[in-house]
Amino acid sequence: MKRKVFVALMVCLFCVGAAFAEMGDYVLKGGKIYRVEGGKETLLEDDEPQSAGTEAGYYAWILVDPELSEGMKGSEPGIYFFFGDDEKPLTFLPMKEAGACMMEFSESGKKVLISRGTEVWQDLMLYFIEDGKFIKKKSFTSMNHSFWIDPHRFIFTAVDKSKGTRTKGGDDWWGSPSLYDTVFEELTVLKEPTETKDYIITGCDHDKGTLDITEATVKDKKDWSDPDKIEYKELTISIPAAG
């Protein structure tokens, strides 16, 4: 009986290792990225992992994008996550244009925001981390940066694709500074754009509980096409209390 249990355990461990290998062949050692092919490890000298410390522990990740790195040619694009000081393989998320991704872990380390795109247009995805698995919970269209303000809430500048852009043929989307509560699954718009006013989040002061917002204003909606007619003003608003 003991031998059967031992064999079953070894099979299980082999399957876990094989599953990660099938996701792609990259490992971390001493903070350096190695690509594994045919049992041979090759150091990718021009590529470095990114990392973040949380209450749950230390996360590191590799952005695999064949379009950005010669050493990654032939690989499936995506993000490899590792955990702990021993750089234990955690999971792989297949993702196109992974090189354009940014990570924002919650302080607890139990949630992460992954944004992919440019400053003016991003896919913002919310994942919960449960038993080492990344579970996608929600997605938004956003611009600029996102910030966690506590273990359960984050703020970002939402983009309403249905409104189109302020000017024809441009990439100047309307921005709505917003707050999302992951517990109640509620989205709160903090500033709503109008025909002559637009907004974008530029910063967050956790100690003061305030949000920095840039307001763009024109006298007439036709003036958005003329940069000289757009006026900018910095605003500070209080972040709503939780609950």
Foldseek 3Di string as FASTA:
>chain_A
DVVVVVVVVVVVVVVVVVVQVVLAAWADDPQWIWGADPNDTDTQVVFTWDWDAALVFIKIKGFQAVVVGVVRPPHQGWMWMATHPRRHTQDTDRDHQSVQWDWDAARHNQKIWIWGDAQLWTKIWIWGQDPSDTHTDDIFIFHHDKADLHRFKIKGWGFDPVVPALDPPDSHTATFTWMAGRVVRDIGGPDHADLFKGKGWDDADSVQQKTKMKIWGAPGSVCVVPPVRIDIDIDIDHHDDDD
